[in-house]
N, C-alpha and C. Protein backbone atom coordinates (compact mmCIF):
# COMPACT_ATOMS: atom_id res chain seq x y z
N UNK A 1 22.96 48.51 -42.57
CA UNK A 1 23.12 48.54 -43.94
C UNK A 1 24.31 48.68 -44.51
N UNK A 2 25.19 49.80 -43.44
CA UNK A 2 26.76 50.56 -43.93
C UNK A 2 27.25 49.63 -43.50
N UNK A 3 26.90 48.59 -42.67
CA UNK A 3 28.52 47.56 -42.28
C UNK A 3 28.57 46.63 -44.03
N UNK A 4 26.94 46.26 -44.28
CA UNK A 4 26.56 45.15 -45.38
C UNK A 4 27.77 45.92 -46.36
N UNK A 5 27.70 46.94 -46.63
CA UNK A 5 28.24 48.14 -48.23
C UNK A 5 30.00 48.19 -47.57
N UNK A 6 30.40 48.05 -46.20
CA UNK A 6 31.56 48.02 -46.01
C UNK A 6 32.26 46.59 -46.47
N UNK A 7 31.79 45.64 -45.99
CA UNK A 7 32.15 44.07 -46.15
C UNK A 7 32.21 44.26 -47.96
N UNK A 8 30.95 44.71 -48.88
CA UNK A 8 31.11 44.28 -50.19
C UNK A 8 32.34 45.66 -50.72
N UNK A 9 32.85 46.55 -49.97
CA UNK A 9 33.99 47.37 -50.57
C UNK A 9 34.78 46.62 -50.39
N UNK A 10 35.32 45.87 -49.08
CA UNK A 10 36.46 45.28 -49.05
C UNK A 10 36.99 43.88 -49.72
N UNK A 11 35.14 43.34 -50.26
CA UNK A 11 35.42 42.08 -51.26
C UNK A 11 35.64 42.86 -52.69
N UNK A 12 35.47 44.23 -53.14
CA UNK A 12 35.69 45.19 -54.16
C UNK A 12 36.74 45.02 -54.25
N UNK A 13 37.59 45.61 -53.19
CA UNK A 13 38.93 45.99 -53.42
C UNK A 13 39.74 44.56 -53.16
N UNK A 14 39.57 44.16 -53.02
CA UNK A 14 40.38 42.45 -52.85
C UNK A 14 39.96 41.77 -54.81
N UNK A 15 39.14 41.73 -55.41
CA UNK A 15 38.80 41.56 -56.55
C UNK A 15 39.73 42.49 -57.58
N UNK A 16 39.53 43.67 -57.56
CA UNK A 16 40.05 44.37 -58.03
C UNK A 16 41.44 44.16 -58.04
N UNK A 17 41.96 44.28 -57.02
CA UNK A 17 43.33 44.06 -56.93
C UNK A 17 43.70 42.39 -58.00
N UNK A 18 43.44 41.58 -57.55
CA UNK A 18 43.53 40.45 -58.63
C UNK A 18 43.43 40.72 -60.00
N UNK A 19 41.99 41.46 -60.57
CA UNK A 19 42.20 41.55 -61.70
C UNK A 19 43.34 42.07 -62.30
N UNK A 20 43.80 43.62 -61.37
CA UNK A 20 44.90 44.33 -62.27
C UNK A 20 46.14 43.39 -62.24
N UNK A 21 46.40 42.43 -61.17
CA UNK A 21 47.44 41.88 -61.17
C UNK A 21 47.79 40.78 -62.04
N UNK A 22 46.22 40.06 -62.73
CA UNK A 22 46.30 39.52 -63.92
C UNK A 22 46.63 39.70 -65.09
N UNK A 23 46.53 40.95 -65.05
CA UNK A 23 46.83 41.39 -66.54
C UNK A 23 48.01 41.29 -66.89
N UNK A 24 48.30 41.08 -68.18
CA UNK A 24 49.51 41.49 -68.67
C UNK A 24 50.28 42.45 -68.78
N UNK A 25 51.53 42.90 -68.47
CA UNK A 25 52.08 43.42 -68.34
C UNK A 25 53.70 43.52 -69.31
N UNK A 26 54.06 44.61 -69.25
CA UNK A 26 55.32 44.32 -69.77
C UNK A 26 56.56 43.60 -69.27
N UNK A 27 56.60 43.66 -67.88
CA UNK A 27 57.38 42.49 -67.69
C UNK A 27 56.61 41.18 -66.91
N UNK A 28 55.48 40.96 -67.76
CA UNK A 28 54.20 39.48 -67.78
C UNK A 28 54.57 39.43 -66.02
N UNK A 29 54.40 39.96 -64.81
CA UNK A 29 54.09 39.97 -63.91
C UNK A 29 53.22 38.59 -63.40
N UNK A 30 52.17 38.65 -62.40
CA UNK A 30 51.53 37.86 -62.59
C UNK A 30 50.35 37.06 -63.63
N UNK A 31 50.10 37.73 -64.86
CA UNK A 31 49.85 37.42 -65.72
C UNK A 31 50.27 36.44 -66.98
N UNK A 32 51.56 35.84 -66.69
CA UNK A 32 51.99 34.81 -67.33
C UNK A 32 51.15 33.52 -66.48
N UNK A 33 50.86 33.56 -65.37
CA UNK A 33 49.95 32.37 -65.39
C UNK A 33 48.67 32.57 -65.90
N UNK A 34 48.22 33.14 -66.69
CA UNK A 34 46.70 32.86 -66.94
C UNK A 34 47.19 32.65 -68.67
N UNK A 35 47.93 32.41 -69.02
CA UNK A 35 48.13 31.97 -70.72
C UNK A 35 47.80 31.01 -71.46
N UNK A 36 47.41 29.69 -70.32
CA UNK A 36 46.96 28.57 -70.66
C UNK A 36 45.67 28.68 -71.21
N UNK A 37 44.59 29.72 -70.49
CA UNK A 37 43.21 29.16 -70.80
C UNK A 37 43.05 30.60 -71.85
N UNK A 38 43.65 30.91 -72.86
CA UNK A 38 43.16 31.73 -74.06
C UNK A 38 42.06 31.43 -74.74
N UNK A 39 41.71 30.09 -74.85
CA UNK A 39 40.57 29.90 -75.53
C UNK A 39 39.54 30.16 -74.99
N UNK A 40 39.51 29.74 -73.97
CA UNK A 40 38.11 30.23 -73.05
C UNK A 40 37.95 31.79 -73.02
N UNK A 41 38.75 32.51 -72.51
CA UNK A 41 38.26 33.79 -73.47
C UNK A 41 37.96 34.58 -74.34
N UNK A 42 38.53 33.92 -75.88
CA UNK A 42 38.26 34.67 -77.12
C UNK A 42 39.08 34.33 -77.74
N UNK A 43 39.27 34.62 -79.03
CA UNK A 43 40.37 35.01 -79.74
C UNK A 43 41.69 35.85 -79.28
N UNK A 44 41.20 36.88 -78.79
CA UNK A 44 41.97 37.79 -78.29
C UNK A 44 42.83 37.71 -76.72
N UNK A 45 42.28 36.92 -76.44
CA UNK A 45 42.91 36.17 -75.02
C UNK A 45 41.95 36.83 -73.89
N UNK A 46 42.91 36.93 -72.99
CA UNK A 46 42.22 37.41 -71.89
C UNK A 46 42.36 38.66 -71.41
N UNK A 47 43.09 39.33 -72.33
CA UNK A 47 43.34 40.41 -72.29
C UNK A 47 42.23 41.64 -72.06
N UNK A 48 41.00 41.55 -73.15
CA UNK A 48 39.68 41.90 -73.39
C UNK A 48 39.25 42.19 -72.34
N UNK A 49 38.98 40.58 -71.64
CA UNK A 49 38.08 40.24 -70.65
C UNK A 49 38.35 40.77 -69.30
N UNK A 50 39.92 40.58 -69.25
CA UNK A 50 40.32 41.13 -67.95
C UNK A 50 40.08 43.04 -67.76
N UNK A 51 40.22 43.36 -68.92
CA UNK A 51 39.98 45.15 -69.21
C UNK A 51 38.82 45.01 -68.78
N UNK A 52 37.68 44.82 -69.15
CA UNK A 52 36.49 44.77 -68.75
C UNK A 52 36.22 44.61 -67.72
N UNK A 53 36.44 43.60 -67.06
CA UNK A 53 36.21 42.96 -65.49
C UNK A 53 36.74 44.32 -64.73
N UNK A 54 38.30 44.54 -64.97
CA UNK A 54 38.54 45.71 -64.45
C UNK A 54 37.72 47.00 -64.12
N UNK A 55 37.38 47.40 -65.44
CA UNK A 55 36.86 48.81 -65.06
C UNK A 55 35.49 48.68 -64.49
N UNK A 56 34.34 47.24 -64.70
CA UNK A 56 33.67 47.01 -64.32
C UNK A 56 33.58 46.76 -62.76
N UNK A 57 34.85 46.42 -62.05
CA UNK A 57 35.00 46.66 -61.08
C UNK A 57 35.54 47.94 -60.02
N UNK A 58 36.20 48.44 -60.98
CA UNK A 58 36.35 49.96 -60.69
C UNK A 58 35.45 51.04 -60.74
N UNK A 59 34.63 50.75 -61.64
CA UNK A 59 33.24 50.77 -61.45
C UNK A 59 32.34 50.71 -60.35
N UNK A 60 32.05 49.83 -59.67
CA UNK A 60 31.80 49.37 -58.92
C UNK A 60 32.24 49.81 -57.93
N UNK A 61 33.33 50.06 -57.43
CA UNK A 61 34.05 50.30 -56.29
C UNK A 61 34.23 51.97 -56.24
N UNK A 62 33.96 52.61 -56.88
CA UNK A 62 33.77 53.76 -56.92
C UNK A 62 32.55 53.88 -56.54
N UNK A 63 31.42 53.38 -57.40
CA UNK A 63 30.11 53.85 -56.70
C UNK A 63 29.07 53.45 -55.13
N UNK A 64 30.11 52.44 -54.56
CA UNK A 64 30.19 51.62 -53.58
C UNK A 64 30.86 52.95 -52.67
N UNK A 65 31.92 53.54 -52.88
CA UNK A 65 32.89 54.55 -51.99
C UNK A 65 31.64 55.94 -51.74
N UNK A 66 30.94 56.31 -52.84
CA UNK A 66 30.10 57.38 -52.64
C UNK A 66 29.41 57.22 -52.02
N UNK A 67 28.17 56.15 -52.62
CA UNK A 67 27.22 55.59 -51.84
C UNK A 67 27.34 55.65 -49.98
N UNK A 68 28.29 54.98 -49.89
CA UNK A 68 29.11 54.74 -48.58
C UNK A 68 29.49 55.97 -47.81
N UNK A 69 29.95 57.31 -48.58
CA UNK A 69 30.12 58.32 -48.11
C UNK A 69 28.85 59.59 -47.65
N UNK A 70 27.77 59.03 -48.76
CA UNK A 70 26.70 59.90 -48.62
C UNK A 70 26.01 59.42 -47.36
N UNK A 71 26.07 57.86 -46.88
CA UNK A 71 25.04 57.32 -45.81
C UNK A 71 26.00 57.52 -44.44
N UNK A 72 27.39 57.54 -44.59
CA UNK A 72 27.84 57.92 -43.22
C UNK A 72 27.83 59.26 -42.88
N UNK A 73 27.76 60.48 -44.01
CA UNK A 73 27.56 61.90 -43.91
C UNK A 73 26.11 61.81 -43.08
N UNK A 74 25.10 60.85 -43.83
CA UNK A 74 23.49 61.37 -43.22
C UNK A 74 23.46 60.72 -41.70
N UNK A 75 24.59 59.74 -41.37
CA UNK A 75 24.26 59.17 -39.99
C UNK A 75 25.27 60.15 -38.95
N UNK A 76 26.27 60.70 -39.14
CA UNK A 76 26.76 61.44 -38.75
C UNK A 76 26.69 63.52 -38.79
N UNK A 77 25.68 63.31 -39.02
CA UNK A 77 25.54 64.96 -39.44
C UNK A 77 25.69 65.62 -38.53
N UNK A 78 25.10 65.59 -37.32
CA UNK A 78 25.12 66.19 -36.07
C UNK A 78 26.33 65.95 -35.52
N UNK A 79 26.85 66.98 -34.49
CA UNK A 79 27.67 67.33 -34.15
C UNK A 79 27.30 67.14 -32.47
N UNK A 80 28.49 66.88 -31.81
CA UNK A 80 28.33 66.41 -30.05
C UNK A 80 27.72 67.84 -29.46
N UNK A 81 28.07 68.99 -30.18
CA UNK A 81 27.71 70.15 -29.94
C UNK A 81 26.23 69.99 -29.60
N UNK A 82 25.73 69.85 -30.63
CA UNK A 82 24.40 70.01 -31.35
C UNK A 82 23.54 69.61 -29.99
N UNK A 83 24.00 68.58 -29.10
CA UNK A 83 23.08 68.15 -28.37
C UNK A 83 23.81 68.19 -26.81
N UNK A 84 24.43 69.76 -26.87
CA UNK A 84 24.48 69.92 -25.54
C UNK A 84 23.71 71.35 -25.23
N UNK A 85 22.88 71.28 -24.17
CA UNK A 85 22.33 72.28 -23.95
C UNK A 85 23.15 73.52 -23.23
N UNK A 86 23.16 74.50 -23.61
CA UNK A 86 23.32 75.68 -23.42
C UNK A 86 23.45 76.05 -22.13
N UNK A 87 22.08 76.08 -21.77
CA UNK A 87 21.67 76.46 -20.05
C UNK A 87 22.81 75.39 -19.24
N UNK A 88 22.97 74.42 -19.78
CA UNK A 88 23.65 74.30 -18.23
C UNK A 88 24.92 73.97 -18.21
N UNK A 89 25.89 74.76 -19.73
CA UNK A 89 26.84 74.90 -19.83
C UNK A 89 27.65 76.44 -19.02
N UNK A 90 26.32 77.20 -18.92
CA UNK A 90 26.53 78.48 -18.56
C UNK A 90 26.43 78.90 -17.14
N UNK A 91 27.67 79.09 -16.17
CA UNK A 91 27.58 79.12 -14.76
C UNK A 91 26.46 80.05 -14.01
N UNK A 92 26.16 79.73 -13.14
CA UNK A 92 25.11 80.81 -12.32
C UNK A 92 25.41 81.36 -10.95
N UNK A 93 25.46 82.78 -10.97
CA UNK A 93 26.35 83.80 -9.69
C UNK A 93 25.74 82.39 -8.67
N UNK A 94 26.70 83.33 -7.65
CA UNK A 94 26.57 82.70 -6.31
C UNK A 94 25.00 83.61 -6.00
N UNK A 95 24.24 82.84 -4.84
CA UNK A 95 22.91 83.37 -4.16
C UNK A 95 23.60 84.53 -3.31
N UNK A 96 23.29 85.79 -3.43
CA UNK A 96 23.70 86.96 -2.38
C UNK A 96 23.65 86.16 -0.83
N UNK A 97 24.66 86.28 0.21
CA UNK A 97 24.84 85.80 1.18
C UNK A 97 24.46 87.19 2.06
N UNK A 98 24.56 88.77 1.90
CA UNK A 98 24.35 89.66 2.32
C UNK A 98 23.15 89.63 2.94
N UNK A 99 23.03 89.85 4.46
CA UNK A 99 21.84 90.68 4.79
C UNK A 99 20.82 91.40 4.55
N UNK A 100 19.77 91.51 4.56
CA UNK A 100 19.01 92.79 4.06
C UNK A 100 19.35 93.92 5.08
N UNK A 101 19.38 94.15 6.11
CA UNK A 101 20.21 95.15 6.65
C UNK A 101 21.52 95.08 7.04
N UNK A 102 22.22 95.58 6.79
CA UNK A 102 23.72 95.63 7.02
C UNK A 102 23.95 96.14 9.02
N UNK A 103 24.68 95.29 9.16
CA UNK A 103 25.36 95.67 10.70
C UNK A 103 25.99 96.78 10.81
N UNK A 104 25.22 97.49 11.80
CA UNK A 104 25.95 98.76 12.55
C UNK A 104 27.44 98.69 13.13
N UNK A 105 28.35 99.79 12.76
CA UNK A 105 29.50 99.67 13.19
C UNK A 105 29.46 99.81 14.26
N UNK A 106 30.23 99.38 15.82
CA UNK A 106 29.88 99.77 16.77
C UNK A 106 30.84 101.36 17.20
N UNK A 107 29.59 101.67 17.99
CA UNK A 107 30.24 103.36 18.13
C UNK A 107 31.17 103.22 19.52
N UNK A 108 32.33 103.78 19.34
CA UNK A 108 33.36 104.22 20.19
C UNK A 108 32.50 105.60 21.43
N UNK A 109 32.63 105.72 22.35
CA UNK A 109 32.44 106.76 23.32
C UNK A 109 33.34 106.86 24.55
N UNK A 110 34.43 107.73 24.18
CA UNK A 110 35.58 107.87 24.51
C UNK A 110 35.11 108.98 25.25
């Protein structure tokens, strides 16, 4: 599911970039190439059509980003530390090797 949404995210980013670059700017940018088909978009030309498309793509991008963030948060909500058992990490004291009765020191008979 997340891989499909991630692919959709990349497609939305590319389409949004194209929609922004096709809009008319003060320096005419790439919007100069869309001037010949003004009749297809209505009396106002492509300006309002591209504005609506840009807004719609931007809204879809934000919603997809929020949903992807939610899914990744649910998927990776547990930490690696949560899966480690504490008993296996605590070192155990070595077993006592002292015999039950301590040896006696040799007595000196001088």
